Amino acid sequence: MQNKINLLKRYCLWGITLSVLTPFSAVATKISFNEFCAQFVGQWTGDAAKVGEIPRKVTTTGLCSHDQRQLILSVSVGTRAPYSETWWFREQGEQVLLTYYDGISQEKQQVFSLYRKNGDYSLLGEGVVNARSALIQLYFQTQPSSSQHNAWQWTQNIQYLDDDVDRYQLFRGIEMTPVTPSQ
């Protein structure tokens, strides 16, 4: 009996996952990692905060490997190491493996699928947030910029699978305005 219940739960979980991802996937295009990687080379500044926190100024630096199969985004607040984060994205076949390290906690890994819609990028995956199963979205939305480099609004969104809310909730946001070199 317990096996049937577990199987039913698993089918429900997959049904929910498909119903949530299908609308986005239907209007977005799955893309190769090298296109995404090339967009995030440079340095940006802006505010960042989790929901309910006071925004802090951060600097985001992006480095893409020569073969465009790896991207490192470093998010720093001032020079204090505990507030720096490393987001290491790596192409793995048709998926993207992310290794995240904040200088304090144990590093975390997550697998995502990568999509593009109207110049915006979305990485979608399934994982655990706050000890709850969740769909995770890293969304990079283009913003108007007077620079030759794109400005971005990077939001980290979650949708708990054990919740009745059928949309993503904002977890954290990072503004990315291009830093112009000193003259």
C-alpha atoms as a PDB file:
ATOM      1  CA  MET A   1       0.000   0.000   0.000  1.00  0.00           C
ATOM      2  CA  GLN A   2       2.819   2.413   0.923  1.00  0.00           C
ATOM      3  CA  ASN A   3       4.486   1.733  -2.448  1.00  0.00           C
ATOM      4  CA  LYS A   4       1.276   2.729  -4.262  1.00  0.00           C
ATOM      5  CA  ILE A   5       1.057   5.944  -2.244  1.00  0.00           C
ATOM      6  CA  ASN A   6       4.704   6.777  -2.997  1.00  0.00           C
ATOM      7  CA  LEU A   7       4.148   6.046  -6.691  1.00  0.00           C
ATOM      8  CA  LEU A   8       1.062   8.285  -6.716  1.00  0.00           C
ATOM      9  CA  LYS A   9       3.040  11.083  -5.013  1.00  0.00           C
ATOM     10  CA  ARG A  10       5.791  10.732  -7.613  1.00  0.00           C
ATOM     11  CA  TYR A  11       3.284  10.942 -10.497  1.00  0.00           C
ATOM     12  CA  CYS A  12       1.690  14.031  -8.924  1.00  0.00           C
ATOM     13  CA  LEU A  13       5.115  15.646  -8.513  1.00  0.00           C
ATOM     14  CA  TRP A  14       5.995  15.021 -12.168  1.00  0.00           C
ATOM     15  CA  GLY A  15       2.561  16.277 -13.249  1.00  0.00           C
ATOM     16  CA  ILE A  16       3.057  19.494 -11.301  1.00  0.00           C
ATOM     17  CA  THR A  17       6.577  19.888 -12.680  1.00  0.00           C
ATOM     18  CA  LEU A  18       5.406  19.424 -16.262  1.00  0.00           C
ATOM     19  CA  SER A  19       2.444  21.768 -15.860  1.00  0.00           C
ATOM     20  CA  VAL A  20       4.695  24.497 -14.463  1.00  0.00           C
ATOM     21  CA  LEU A  21       7.502  24.108 -16.988  1.00  0.00           C
ATOM     22  CA  THR A  22       5.344  23.550 -20.055  1.00  0.00           C
ATOM     23  CA  PRO A  23       4.037  27.133 -20.377  1.00  0.00           C
ATOM     24  CA  PHE A  24       7.538  28.625 -20.168  1.00  0.00           C
ATOM     25  CA  SER A  25       9.121  25.949 -22.356  1.00  0.00           C
ATOM     26  CA  ALA A  26       6.375  26.311 -24.956  1.00  0.00           C
ATOM     27  CA  VAL A  27       7.220  29.971 -25.569  1.00  0.00           C
ATOM     28  CA  ALA A  28      10.967  29.855 -24.901  1.00  0.00           C
ATOM     29  CA  THR A  29      13.758  28.258 -26.894  1.00  0.00           C
ATOM     30  CA  LYS A  30      16.235  25.851 -25.370  1.00  0.00           C
ATOM     31  CA  ILE A  31      19.703  27.154 -26.271  1.00  0.00           C
ATOM     32  CA  SER A  32      23.346  26.150 -26.149  1.00  0.00           C
ATOM     33  CA  PHE A  33      25.470  27.305 -23.241  1.00  0.00           C
ATOM     34  CA  ASN A  34      28.042  29.227 -25.329  1.00  0.00           C
ATOM     35  CA  GLU A  35      25.443  31.858 -26.301  1.00  0.00           C
ATOM     36  CA  PHE A  36      24.595  32.431 -22.628  1.00  0.00           C
ATOM     37  CA  CYS A  37      28.233  32.416 -21.485  1.00  0.00           C
ATOM     38  CA  ALA A  38      29.320  35.137 -23.917  1.00  0.00           C
ATOM     39  CA  GLN A  39      26.637  37.543 -22.599  1.00  0.00           C
ATOM     40  CA  PHE A  40      28.053  37.560 -19.068  1.00  0.00           C
ATOM     41  CA  VAL A  41      31.662  38.592 -19.571  1.00  0.00           C
ATOM     42  CA  GLY A  42      32.407  41.843 -17.768  1.00  0.00           C
ATOM     43  CA  GLN A  43      31.704  43.695 -14.571  1.00  0.00           C
ATOM     44  CA  TRP A  44      28.423  45.053 -13.218  1.00  0.00           C
ATOM     45  CA  THR A  45      27.323  46.912 -10.111  1.00  0.00           C
ATOM     46  CA  GLY A  46      23.946  47.312  -8.430  1.00  0.00           C
ATOM     47  CA  ASP A  47      21.816  46.466  -5.426  1.00  0.00           C
ATOM     48  CA  ALA A  48      21.092  42.934  -4.232  1.00  0.00           C
ATOM     49  CA  ALA A  49      18.774  41.571  -1.578  1.00  0.00           C
ATOM     50  CA  LYS A  50      16.749  38.583  -0.529  1.00  0.00           C
ATOM     51  CA  VAL A  51      13.051  39.178   0.045  1.00  0.00           C
ATOM     52  CA  GLY A  52      12.603  41.176   3.246  1.00  0.00           C
ATOM     53  CA  GLU A  53      16.251  42.281   3.484  1.00  0.00           C
ATOM     54  CA  ILE A  54      17.725  45.736   3.012  1.00  0.00           C
ATOM     55  CA  PRO A  55      19.450  45.970  -0.407  1.00  0.00           C
ATOM     56  CA  ARG A  56      23.260  46.175  -0.425  1.00  0.00           C
ATOM     57  CA  LYS A  57      25.598  47.380  -3.157  1.00  0.00           C
ATOM     58  CA  VAL A  58      27.318  44.500  -4.922  1.00  0.00           C
ATOM     59  CA  THR A  59      29.773  44.036  -7.752  1.00  0.00           C
ATOM     60  CA  THR A  60      29.263  41.112 -10.133  1.00  0.00           C
ATOM     61  CA  THR A  61      32.164  39.935 -12.282  1.00  0.00           C
ATOM     62  CA  GLY A  62      31.706  37.451 -15.127  1.00  0.00           C
ATOM     63  CA  LEU A  63      34.399  35.290 -16.727  1.00  0.00           C
ATOM     64  CA  CYS A  64      33.654  32.914 -19.616  1.00  0.00           C
ATOM     65  CA  SER A  65      36.165  30.209 -20.542  1.00  0.00           C
ATOM     66  CA  HIS A  66      37.846  30.329 -23.957  1.00  0.00           C
ATOM     67  CA  ASP A  67      35.770  27.355 -25.180  1.00  0.00           C
ATOM     68  CA  GLN A  68      32.610  29.023 -23.776  1.00  0.00           C
ATOM     69  CA  ARG A  69      31.652  25.929 -21.775  1.00  0.00           C
ATOM     70  CA  GLN A  70      32.226  27.447 -18.316  1.00  0.00           C
ATOM     71  CA  LEU A  71      31.072  30.699 -16.741  1.00  0.00           C
ATOM     72  CA  ILE A  72      32.014  32.068 -13.342  1.00  0.00           C
ATOM     73  CA  LEU A  73      29.929  34.858 -11.835  1.00  0.00           C
ATOM     74  CA  SER A  74      31.445  36.339  -8.686  1.00  0.00           C
ATOM     75  CA  VAL A  75      29.127  38.475  -6.552  1.00  0.00           C
ATOM     76  CA  SER A  76      30.971  40.611  -3.972  1.00  0.00           C
ATOM     77  CA  VAL A  77      29.962  43.079  -1.273  1.00  0.00           C
ATOM     78  CA  GLY A  78      32.952  45.316  -0.546  1.00  0.00           C
ATOM     79  CA  THR A  79      36.036  43.282   0.318  1.00  0.00           C
ATOM     80  CA  ARG A  80      34.709  41.070   3.116  1.00  0.00           C
ATOM     81  CA  ALA A  81      35.087  37.457   1.986  1.00  0.00           C
ATOM     82  CA  PRO A  82      32.055  36.059   3.875  1.00  0.00           C
ATOM     83  CA  TYR A  83      29.806  38.131   1.630  1.00  0.00           C
ATOM     84  CA  SER A  84      31.338  36.979  -1.647  1.00  0.00           C
ATOM     85  CA  GLU A  85      29.688  34.276  -3.710  1.00  0.00           C
ATOM     86  CA  THR A  86      30.909  32.162  -6.590  1.00  0.00           C
ATOM     87  CA  TRP A  87      28.462  30.854  -9.170  1.00  0.00           C
ATOM     88  CA  TRP A  88      30.268  28.361 -11.443  1.00  0.00           C
ATOM     89  CA  PHE A  89      28.148  27.297 -14.426  1.00  0.00           C
ATOM     90  CA  ARG A  90      29.382  24.419 -16.630  1.00  0.00           C
ATOM     91  CA  GLU A  91      27.926  22.963 -19.779  1.00  0.00           C
ATOM     92  CA  GLN A  92      27.186  19.261 -19.381  1.00  0.00           C
ATOM     93  CA  GLY A  93      25.636  17.934 -22.558  1.00  0.00           C
ATOM     94  CA  GLU A  94      22.278  19.652 -22.964  1.00  0.00           C
ATOM     95  CA  GLN A  95      22.178  20.752 -19.328  1.00  0.00           C
ATOM     96  CA  VAL A  96      24.034  23.229 -17.128  1.00  0.00           C
ATOM     97  CA  LEU A  97      25.674  22.218 -13.849  1.00  0.00           C
ATOM     98  CA  LEU A  98      25.912  24.989 -11.269  1.00  0.00           C
ATOM     99  CA  THR A  99      28.263  24.882  -8.299  1.00  0.00           C
ATOM    100  CA  TYR A 100      27.494  27.620  -5.774  1.00  0.00           C
ATOM    101  CA  TYR A 101      29.770  28.658  -2.904  1.00  0.00           C
ATOM    102  CA  ASP A 102      29.261  31.561  -0.501  1.00  0.00           C
ATOM    103  CA  GLY A 103      32.484  31.262   1.512  1.00  0.00           C
ATOM    104  CA  ILE A 104      30.612  29.984   4.564  1.00  0.00           C
ATOM    105  CA  SER A 105      28.349  27.035   3.827  1.00  0.00           C
ATOM    106  CA  GLN A 106      29.259  23.837   2.052  1.00  0.00           C
ATOM    107  CA  GLU A 107      29.167  24.273  -1.731  1.00  0.00           C
ATOM    108  CA  LYS A 108      25.922  23.305  -3.446  1.00  0.00           C
ATOM    109  CA  GLN A 109      25.319  21.837  -6.883  1.00  0.00           C
ATOM    110  CA  GLN A 110      22.251  22.029  -9.086  1.00  0.00           C
ATOM    111  CA  VAL A 111      21.433  20.933 -12.649  1.00  0.00           C
ATOM    112  CA  PHE A 112      19.457  23.287 -14.898  1.00  0.00           C
ATOM    113  CA  SER A 113      18.027  23.490 -18.403  1.00  0.00           C
ATOM    114  CA  LEU A 114      18.774  26.755 -20.216  1.00  0.00           C
ATOM    115  CA  TYR A 115      16.186  28.734 -22.204  1.00  0.00           C
ATOM    116  CA  ARG A 116      15.991  32.085 -24.010  1.00  0.00           C
ATOM    117  CA  LYS A 117      12.937  34.227 -24.676  1.00  0.00           C
ATOM    118  CA  ASN A 118      13.075  37.749 -26.164  1.00  0.00           C
ATOM    119  CA  GLY A 119      16.728  38.224 -25.160  1.00  0.00           C
ATOM    120  CA  ASP A 120      16.156  37.068 -21.570  1.00  0.00           C
ATOM    121  CA  TYR A 121      17.702  33.873 -20.184  1.00  0.00           C
ATOM    122  CA  SER A 122      16.190  31.387 -17.773  1.00  0.00           C
ATOM    123  CA  LEU A 123      17.813  28.424 -16.071  1.00  0.00           C
ATOM    124  CA  LEU A 124      15.198  25.988 -14.751  1.00  0.00           C
ATOM    125  CA  GLY A 125      15.845  23.123 -12.358  1.00  0.00           C
ATOM    126  CA  GLU A 126      14.435  21.106  -9.505  1.00  0.00           C
ATOM    127  CA  GLY A 127      16.069  21.023  -6.080  1.00  0.00           C
ATOM    128  CA  VAL A 128      15.672  21.648  -2.369  1.00  0.00           C
ATOM    129  CA  VAL A 129      15.345  25.119  -0.798  1.00  0.00           C
ATOM    130  CA  ASN A 130      14.901  25.541   2.951  1.00  0.00           C
ATOM    131  CA  ALA A 131      14.518  21.740   3.286  1.00  0.00           C
ATOM    132  CA  ARG A 132      11.560  21.752   0.825  1.00  0.00           C
ATOM    133  CA  SER A 133      11.388  20.375  -2.722  1.00  0.00           C
ATOM    134  CA  ALA A 134      11.154  23.232  -5.173  1.00  0.00           C
ATOM    135  CA  LEU A 135      11.415  24.308  -8.771  1.00  0.00           C
ATOM    136  CA  ILE A 136      14.250  26.806  -9.059  1.00  0.00           C
ATOM    137  CA  GLN A 137      14.556  29.513 -11.696  1.00  0.00           C
ATOM    138  CA  LEU A 138      17.545  31.777 -12.275  1.00  0.00           C
ATOM    139  CA  TYR A 139      16.182  34.505 -14.540  1.00  0.00           C
ATOM    140  CA  PHE A 140      18.364  37.070 -16.313  1.00  0.00           C
ATOM    141  CA  GLN A 141      16.167  39.826 -17.751  1.00  0.00           C
ATOM    142  CA  THR A 142      17.709  42.448 -20.040  1.00  0.00           C
ATOM    143  CA  GLN A 143      17.425  46.047 -18.877  1.00  0.00           C
ATOM    144  CA  PRO A 144      17.909  49.310 -20.803  1.00  0.00           C
ATOM    145  CA  SER A 145      21.569  50.405 -20.803  1.00  0.00           C
ATOM    146  CA  SER A 146      23.565  53.251 -22.324  1.00  0.00           C
ATOM    147  CA  SER A 147      26.630  50.986 -22.356  1.00  0.00           C
ATOM    148  CA  GLN A 148      27.641  48.605 -25.137  1.00  0.00           C
ATOM    149  CA  HIS A 149      27.215  45.802 -22.572  1.00  0.00           C
ATOM    150  CA  ASN A 150      23.791  44.626 -21.443  1.00  0.00           C
ATOM    151  CA  ALA A 151      22.358  45.544 -18.076  1.00  0.00           C
ATOM    152  CA  TRP A 152      20.530  42.702 -16.346  1.00  0.00           C
ATOM    153  CA  GLN A 153      18.042  42.076 -13.572  1.00  0.00           C
ATOM    154  CA  TRP A 154      19.002  38.670 -12.133  1.00  0.00           C
ATOM    155  CA  THR A 155      16.247  37.125 -10.056  1.00  0.00           C
ATOM    156  CA  GLN A 156      16.404  33.870  -8.174  1.00  0.00           C
ATOM    157  CA  ASN A 157      12.894  32.455  -7.975  1.00  0.00           C
ATOM    158  CA  ILE A 158      11.420  29.390  -6.309  1.00  0.00           C
ATOM    159  CA  GLN A 159       8.190  27.473  -6.418  1.00  0.00           C
ATOM    160  CA  TYR A 160       7.724  25.013  -3.582  1.00  0.00           C
ATOM    161  CA  LEU A 161       6.245  21.744  -4.793  1.00  0.00           C
ATOM    162  CA  ASP A 162       4.317  21.216  -1.543  1.00  0.00           C
ATOM    163  CA  ASP A 163       2.596  24.609  -1.826  1.00  0.00           C
ATOM    164  CA  ASP A 164      -0.699  25.541  -3.474  1.00  0.00           C
ATOM    165  CA  VAL A 165       0.811  28.669  -5.043  1.00  0.00           C
ATOM    166  CA  ASP A 166       1.218  27.894  -8.750  1.00  0.00           C
ATOM    167  CA  ARG A 167       3.752  30.575  -9.628  1.00  0.00           C
ATOM    168  CA  TYR A 168       7.357  31.390  -8.865  1.00  0.00           C
ATOM    169  CA  GLN A 169       8.085  33.501  -5.797  1.00  0.00           C
ATOM    170  CA  LEU A 170      11.008  35.903  -5.683  1.00  0.00           C
ATOM    171  CA  PHE A 171      13.794  34.646  -3.413  1.00  0.00           C
ATOM    172  CA  ARG A 172      16.484  37.208  -4.271  1.00  0.00           C
ATOM    173  CA  GLY A 173      17.269  39.865  -6.855  1.00  0.00           C
ATOM    174  CA  ILE A 174      20.542  41.345  -8.153  1.00  0.00           C
ATOM    175  CA  GLU A 175      20.787  44.460 -10.336  1.00  0.00           C
ATOM    176  CA  MET A 176      23.591  44.276 -12.887  1.00  0.00           C
ATOM    177  CA  THR A 177      24.430  47.689 -14.403  1.00  0.00           C
ATOM    178  CA  PRO A 178      27.612  47.634 -16.539  1.00  0.00           C
ATOM    179  CA  VAL A 179      30.682  49.270 -15.004  1.00  0.00           C
ATOM    180  CA  THR A 180      32.235  51.682 -17.487  1.00  0.00           C
ATOM    181  CA  PRO A 181      36.046  51.816 -17.460  1.00  0.00           C
ATOM    182  CA  SER A 182      37.649  54.978 -16.037  1.00  0.00           C
ATOM    183  CA  GLN A 183      38.794  57.430 -18.686  1.00  0.00           C
END
